[in-house]
Amino acid sequence: MNSHVDIKSIPLRTFRLPSLAISEFGFVWVALALLVLLSAWLAPDTLRLGALTAMAPFASFLAVVAVGQMLVIRQRGLDMSAGSMMTIAGLVLAILASRTGMILVPIIATVVLTGLFGMVNGLLVARVNISPIVVTLAVDALLLGGVRAISGGTAMTLPKGFQDLTHTHILGLPSSLVFALVSIGFVAVLVNRTLAGRRFVAVGTSPRAAAASGLRVLRYQVGAYAAASVCFGLAGMMLAGFVGSASQTAGADYLLPGIVAVIVGGTQFGGGKGSVVATALAALFMAQLQQLVMALGASPAVQLLVQAAAIVVAVGLRALPRLKQRLRSRA
């Protein structure tokens, strides 16, 4: 009996690449796990309880900003006024709180104001059909002018009551972290578990198809910008309260990381697809990444390069399934 085996007779499917069980939004978990391992090796002090506790508030602010940016990007837009929106919110809150001696009313008024700014962004983009980048950069410039006129170039102190609110702990967790978790959970439920959320996704996926099916496309597009601005405003108020003062550059450091977090979280700029939870995790990834590079003594320029590299790696990871499919088709 001939024991010789002809290799050519073996079906090609035997050599196909194994299927990747990671979803398009699951790569952020892998990236976060790898970053934790890298941090434990290069800078273990960044994973100590004290360092994590100190990082948690700023990661929370970034997560809220990123979720707001994600809402706009899922509607095929981009909001470049996020940093100025955070700054103006902190300044307006400081002024209203100092003049009225109250906390709740100034918070509500600031939320309404930022929401109106967002509606202006949305109407100019969706109704007037101006490029989102052009519109939001113009609004950003107007807000910067307003910031300088209001502040006079100096920081404004927030009332001690609001500062104490942002430094308290709830169930052993920083109040800022609890606030971020509640906000992110609310947005996740609204987008994923409600009829309005499904319509929001449909509009972002294909505005023409959504309009043909009878959906009010303008409402969801403008609403995305308004909701995003509210998120930026809430993050700006919490940041100002945590720091103790509102400065004219408070939100500048959150614009680029917020956009990067959305990209790392897997949201597509083509609209529709996205994940609130993955975006929040990506914000945590960005915060820890910044802690790591700072612990290694990197300069601000190097930190920006690292953020750019994070975008490239995130896009590359999401391209792996398509690469695998091509390799399988050629096998």
Protein backbone atom coordinates (compact mmCIF):
# COMPACT_ATOMS: atom_id res chain seq x y z
CA MET A 1 0.00 0.00 0.00
CA ASN A 2 1.37 3.39 -0.99
CA SER A 3 1.66 5.64 2.09
CA HIS A 4 2.72 8.65 0.06
CA VAL A 5 0.35 11.63 0.53
CA ASP A 6 -0.07 14.11 -2.29
CA ILE A 7 -0.03 17.59 -0.75
CA LYS A 8 -1.90 18.97 -3.71
CA SER A 9 -4.85 16.73 -2.88
CA ILE A 10 -5.39 18.43 0.53
CA PRO A 11 -8.28 20.94 0.36
CA LEU A 12 -7.14 24.55 0.48
CA ARG A 13 -9.57 25.32 3.29
CA THR A 14 -7.29 23.38 5.62
CA PHE A 15 -4.78 26.23 5.44
CA ARG A 16 -7.22 29.13 5.90
CA LEU A 17 -6.46 31.66 8.59
CA PRO A 18 -8.38 31.29 11.85
CA SER A 19 -11.31 33.60 12.36
CA LEU A 20 -10.74 36.67 14.54
CA ALA A 21 -13.32 36.60 17.33
CA ILE A 22 -12.83 40.28 18.18
CA SER A 23 -15.52 42.68 17.02
CA GLU A 24 -14.78 46.05 15.48
CA PHE A 25 -15.43 47.68 18.86
CA GLY A 26 -13.64 44.96 20.83
CA PHE A 27 -10.16 46.03 19.81
CA VAL A 28 -10.25 48.81 22.37
CA TRP A 29 -10.33 46.17 25.13
CA VAL A 30 -7.23 44.56 23.64
CA ALA A 31 -5.51 47.93 23.31
CA LEU A 32 -6.35 48.84 26.90
CA ALA A 33 -5.08 45.49 28.20
CA LEU A 34 -1.82 45.85 26.26
CA LEU A 35 -1.39 49.40 27.57
CA VAL A 36 -1.84 48.20 31.14
CA LEU A 37 0.81 45.53 30.62
CA LEU A 38 3.14 48.07 29.04
CA SER A 39 2.56 50.49 31.91
CA ALA A 40 3.26 47.77 34.46
CA TRP A 41 6.57 47.11 32.75
CA LEU A 42 7.79 50.63 31.98
CA ALA A 43 6.11 52.76 34.67
CA PRO A 44 4.44 50.65 37.37
CA ASP A 45 3.84 53.71 39.53
CA THR A 46 1.15 54.86 37.08
CA LEU A 47 -0.96 51.85 38.10
CA ARG A 48 -0.80 52.47 41.82
CA LEU A 49 -4.03 53.40 43.58
CA GLY A 50 -2.94 56.98 44.20
CA ALA A 51 -2.04 57.55 40.55
CA LEU A 52 -5.27 55.98 39.31
CA THR A 53 -7.31 58.05 41.75
CA ALA A 54 -5.60 61.21 40.56
CA MET A 55 -6.17 60.27 36.92
CA ALA A 56 -9.82 59.27 37.31
CA PRO A 57 -11.36 62.80 37.28
CA PHE A 58 -9.49 63.90 34.16
CA ALA A 59 -10.26 60.59 32.42
CA SER A 60 -13.91 61.15 33.31
CA PHE A 61 -13.95 64.62 31.77
CA LEU A 62 -12.30 63.26 28.62
CA ALA A 63 -14.80 60.40 28.41
CA VAL A 64 -17.75 62.81 28.51
CA VAL A 65 -16.14 64.99 25.83
CA ALA A 66 -15.40 61.94 23.66
CA VAL A 67 -18.97 60.65 23.93
CA GLY A 68 -20.27 64.06 22.85
CA GLN A 69 -17.86 64.11 19.92
CA MET A 70 -18.94 60.59 19.00
CA LEU A 71 -22.58 61.69 18.67
CA VAL A 72 -21.58 64.31 16.10
CA ILE A 73 -19.25 62.00 14.20
CA ARG A 74 -21.98 59.38 13.96
CA GLN A 75 -23.98 62.02 12.09
CA ARG A 76 -21.06 62.47 9.66
CA GLY A 77 -19.90 65.66 11.35
CA LEU A 78 -17.11 66.95 13.55
CA ASP A 79 -17.13 69.57 16.29
CA MET A 80 -13.93 71.60 16.54
CA SER A 81 -15.45 73.95 19.14
CA ALA A 82 -15.35 71.37 21.95
CA GLY A 83 -12.45 72.99 23.81
CA SER A 84 -13.91 76.50 23.69
CA MET A 85 -17.32 75.14 24.66
CA MET A 86 -15.76 73.64 27.79
CA THR A 87 -13.99 76.90 28.57
CA ILE A 88 -17.01 79.15 28.11
CA ALA A 89 -19.12 76.82 30.25
CA GLY A 90 -16.69 77.07 33.14
CA LEU A 91 -16.51 80.85 32.89
CA VAL A 92 -20.28 81.34 32.63
CA LEU A 93 -20.82 79.05 35.60
CA ALA A 94 -18.26 80.98 37.65
CA ILE A 95 -19.90 84.33 36.83
CA LEU A 96 -23.47 83.22 37.46
CA ALA A 97 -22.60 81.36 40.63
CA SER A 98 -20.68 84.30 42.07
CA ARG A 99 -23.46 86.79 41.23
CA THR A 100 -26.43 84.70 42.35
CA GLY A 101 -24.85 82.81 45.23
CA MET A 102 -26.57 79.65 43.95
CA ILE A 103 -25.31 76.47 42.29
CA LEU A 104 -28.20 74.63 40.66
CA VAL A 105 -29.64 77.56 38.68
CA PRO A 106 -26.23 78.54 37.18
CA ILE A 107 -25.65 74.91 36.19
CA ILE A 108 -28.99 74.70 34.40
CA ALA A 109 -28.46 78.06 32.70
CA THR A 110 -25.01 77.02 31.50
CA VAL A 111 -26.34 73.72 30.14
CA VAL A 112 -29.05 75.60 28.23
CA LEU A 113 -26.52 78.07 26.86
CA THR A 114 -24.15 75.39 25.58
CA GLY A 115 -27.09 73.53 24.07
CA LEU A 116 -28.06 76.67 22.15
CA PHE A 117 -24.53 77.06 20.84
CA GLY A 118 -24.70 73.46 19.68
CA MET A 119 -27.99 74.09 17.91
CA VAL A 120 -26.36 76.97 16.04
CA ASN A 121 -23.60 74.60 14.93
CA GLY A 122 -26.12 71.99 13.85
CA LEU A 123 -28.37 74.40 11.94
CA LEU A 124 -25.47 75.90 10.02
CA VAL A 125 -24.21 72.43 9.11
CA ALA A 126 -27.50 70.68 8.37
CA ARG A 127 -29.71 73.52 7.13
CA VAL A 128 -27.25 75.93 5.49
CA ASN A 129 -25.08 73.01 4.33
CA ILE A 130 -21.73 74.46 5.42
CA SER A 131 -18.83 72.10 6.14
CA PRO A 132 -18.83 70.97 9.81
CA ILE A 133 -15.16 71.87 10.20
CA VAL A 134 -15.70 75.38 8.85
CA VAL A 135 -18.78 76.00 11.00
CA THR A 136 -17.36 74.69 14.25
CA LEU A 137 -14.02 76.44 13.74
CA ALA A 138 -15.90 79.71 13.20
CA VAL A 139 -17.99 79.16 16.32
CA ASP A 140 -14.80 78.20 18.15
CA ALA A 141 -13.27 81.56 17.19
CA LEU A 142 -16.39 83.40 18.37
CA LEU A 143 -16.33 81.53 21.66
CA LEU A 144 -12.64 82.30 22.15
CA GLY A 145 -13.43 85.98 21.64
CA GLY A 146 -16.22 85.71 24.18
CA VAL A 147 -13.93 83.94 26.62
CA ARG A 148 -11.34 86.71 26.43
CA ALA A 149 -14.00 89.40 26.76
CA ILE A 150 -15.55 87.73 29.80
CA SER A 151 -12.38 86.72 31.61
CA GLY A 152 -10.17 89.65 30.70
CA GLY A 153 -7.33 87.17 30.41
CA THR A 154 -7.52 86.06 34.05
CA ALA A 155 -8.91 82.93 35.68
CA MET A 156 -12.19 83.15 37.59
CA THR A 157 -12.64 81.30 40.88
CA LEU A 158 -15.68 79.08 41.38
CA PRO A 159 -17.67 79.09 44.64
CA LYS A 160 -16.37 76.76 47.30
CA GLY A 161 -19.66 74.89 47.37
CA PHE A 162 -19.26 73.77 43.77
CA GLN A 163 -15.60 72.92 44.33
CA ASP A 164 -16.59 70.71 47.26
CA LEU A 165 -19.21 69.02 45.07
CA THR A 166 -16.61 68.00 42.49
CA HIS A 167 -14.22 66.70 45.15
CA THR A 168 -16.67 64.56 47.08
CA HIS A 169 -16.84 60.77 46.90
CA ILE A 170 -19.94 58.67 46.24
CA LEU A 171 -19.78 55.03 47.31
CA GLY A 172 -16.01 55.41 47.57
CA LEU A 173 -15.67 56.73 44.01
CA PRO A 174 -14.83 60.30 42.97
CA SER A 175 -18.00 62.24 42.17
CA SER A 176 -16.61 63.16 38.76
CA LEU A 177 -16.25 59.48 37.90
CA VAL A 178 -19.79 58.74 39.08
CA PHE A 179 -21.07 61.68 37.06
CA ALA A 180 -19.27 60.39 33.94
CA LEU A 181 -20.59 56.85 34.41
CA VAL A 182 -24.16 58.08 34.83
CA SER A 183 -23.89 60.39 31.81
CA ILE A 184 -22.31 57.74 29.59
CA GLY A 185 -24.84 55.14 30.73
CA PHE A 186 -27.70 57.51 29.94
CA VAL A 187 -26.39 58.19 26.43
CA ALA A 188 -25.77 54.48 25.83
CA VAL A 189 -29.32 53.56 26.81
CA LEU A 190 -30.77 56.42 24.79
CA VAL A 191 -28.86 55.49 21.62
CA ASN A 192 -29.08 51.70 21.86
CA ARG A 193 -32.37 50.99 23.64
CA THR A 194 -34.87 53.58 22.47
CA LEU A 195 -36.79 54.25 19.27
CA ALA A 196 -35.24 57.71 19.03
CA GLY A 197 -31.80 56.12 19.29
CA ARG A 198 -32.50 53.68 16.48
CA ARG A 199 -33.72 56.54 14.33
CA PHE A 200 -30.59 58.49 15.24
CA VAL A 201 -28.44 55.61 14.00
CA ALA A 202 -30.52 55.30 10.83
CA VAL A 203 -30.08 58.99 10.03
CA GLY A 204 -26.33 58.76 10.55
CA THR A 205 -26.06 55.65 8.40
CA SER A 206 -27.93 57.09 5.43
CA PRO A 207 -29.62 60.50 5.68
CA ARG A 208 -31.29 60.08 2.29
CA ALA A 209 -32.75 56.70 3.12
CA ALA A 210 -33.89 57.99 6.51
CA ALA A 211 -35.59 60.99 4.88
CA ALA A 212 -37.25 58.71 2.32
CA SER A 213 -38.67 56.61 5.15
CA GLY A 214 -40.23 59.67 6.74
CA LEU A 215 -37.70 60.47 9.48
CA ARG A 216 -37.03 64.09 10.35
CA VAL A 217 -33.34 64.10 9.49
CA LEU A 218 -32.74 67.72 10.47
CA ARG A 219 -33.98 67.10 14.00
CA TYR A 220 -31.45 64.34 14.65
CA GLN A 221 -28.55 66.11 12.98
CA VAL A 222 -29.10 69.34 14.90
CA GLY A 223 -29.84 67.36 18.05
CA ALA A 224 -26.47 65.61 17.77
CA TYR A 225 -24.62 68.94 17.86
CA ALA A 226 -26.78 70.24 20.70
CA ALA A 227 -26.26 67.08 22.77
CA ALA A 228 -22.52 67.16 22.07
CA SER A 229 -22.27 70.78 23.22
CA VAL A 230 -24.13 69.89 26.41
CA CYS A 231 -21.59 67.13 27.02
CA PHE A 232 -18.75 69.58 26.43
CA GLY A 233 -20.37 72.09 28.76
CA LEU A 234 -20.89 69.55 31.53
CA ALA A 235 -17.28 68.41 31.25
CA GLY A 236 -16.11 72.03 31.31
CA MET A 237 -18.10 72.80 34.46
CA MET A 238 -16.82 69.71 36.22
CA LEU A 239 -13.24 70.52 35.18
CA ALA A 240 -13.52 74.10 36.42
CA GLY A 241 -14.99 72.94 39.72
CA PHE A 242 -12.32 70.31 40.20
CA VAL A 243 -9.48 72.70 39.43
CA GLY A 244 -11.15 75.46 41.42
CA SER A 245 -11.11 78.10 38.71
CA ALA A 246 -12.11 78.66 35.08
CA SER A 247 -9.33 79.87 32.79
CA GLN A 248 -9.42 80.88 29.14
CA THR A 249 -7.44 77.78 28.09
CA ALA A 250 -9.13 75.17 30.30
CA GLY A 251 -10.63 73.08 27.50
CA ALA A 252 -7.84 73.37 24.94
CA ASP A 253 -6.23 70.08 25.97
CA TYR A 254 -9.41 68.07 25.42
CA LEU A 255 -10.17 68.70 21.74
CA LEU A 256 -7.62 66.42 20.05
CA PRO A 257 -7.69 63.63 22.70
CA GLY A 258 -11.48 63.61 22.48
CA ILE A 259 -11.40 63.06 18.72
CA VAL A 260 -8.65 60.45 19.07
CA ALA A 261 -10.72 58.58 21.66
CA VAL A 262 -13.63 58.39 19.22
CA ILE A 263 -11.35 56.97 16.51
CA VAL A 264 -9.70 54.49 18.88
CA GLY A 265 -13.17 53.47 20.07
CA GLY A 266 -14.04 52.34 16.55
CA THR A 267 -16.56 54.97 15.45
CA GLN A 268 -16.50 55.51 11.71
CA PHE A 269 -16.41 58.99 10.20
CA GLY A 270 -18.83 57.75 7.54
CA GLY A 271 -21.61 57.88 10.12
CA GLY A 272 -23.94 55.34 11.70
CA LYS A 273 -21.69 52.80 13.39
CA GLY A 274 -20.28 53.56 16.80
CA SER A 275 -20.20 52.46 20.42
CA VAL A 276 -20.69 54.64 23.48
CA VAL A 277 -18.99 52.16 25.79
CA ALA A 278 -16.04 51.63 23.44
CA THR A 279 -15.60 55.40 23.16
CA ALA A 280 -15.54 55.77 26.95
CA LEU A 281 -12.99 52.97 27.22
CA ALA A 282 -10.90 54.63 24.54
CA ALA A 283 -10.93 57.82 26.61
CA LEU A 284 -9.58 55.80 29.54
CA PHE A 285 -6.95 54.41 27.17
CA MET A 286 -5.93 57.93 26.13
CA ALA A 287 -5.75 59.13 29.74
CA GLN A 288 -3.54 56.21 30.77
CA LEU A 289 -1.40 56.63 27.66
CA GLN A 290 -0.79 60.24 28.59
CA GLN A 291 0.11 59.21 32.13
CA LEU A 292 2.60 56.71 30.77
CA VAL A 293 4.37 59.09 28.40
CA MET A 294 4.50 61.78 31.09
CA ALA A 295 5.97 59.29 33.55
CA LEU A 296 8.64 58.48 30.98
CA GLY A 297 9.55 62.16 30.76
CA ALA A 298 8.20 62.81 27.28
CA SER A 299 7.87 66.39 26.10
CA PRO A 300 4.52 67.87 24.96
CA ALA A 301 5.63 67.44 21.34
CA VAL A 302 6.28 63.74 21.90
CA GLN A 303 2.88 63.41 23.58
CA LEU A 304 1.22 64.74 20.44
CA LEU A 305 3.21 62.28 18.34
CA VAL A 306 2.06 59.46 20.59
CA GLN A 307 -1.57 60.53 20.12
CA ALA A 308 -1.06 60.54 16.36
CA ALA A 309 0.48 57.08 16.57
CA ALA A 310 -2.55 55.90 18.55
CA ILE A 311 -4.79 56.94 15.66
CA VAL A 312 -2.65 55.03 13.15
CA VAL A 313 -2.59 51.91 15.32
CA ALA A 314 -6.35 52.07 15.95
CA VAL A 315 -7.13 52.38 12.25
CA GLY A 316 -4.66 49.61 11.48
CA LEU A 317 -6.24 47.24 14.00
CA ARG A 318 -9.69 47.82 12.56
CA ALA A 319 -8.29 47.03 9.11
CA LEU A 320 -7.10 43.58 10.23
CA PRO A 321 -10.41 41.80 9.54
CA ARG A 322 -10.46 43.16 5.98
CA LEU A 323 -6.83 42.11 5.51
CA LYS A 324 -7.65 38.65 6.82
CA GLN A 325 -10.55 38.38 4.39
CA ARG A 326 -8.32 39.31 1.47
CA LEU A 327 -5.72 36.74 2.49
CA ARG A 328 -8.39 34.07 2.80
CA SER A 329 -9.78 34.94 -0.63
CA ARG A 330 -6.33 34.52 -2.18
CA ALA A 331 -5.64 31.23 -0.42
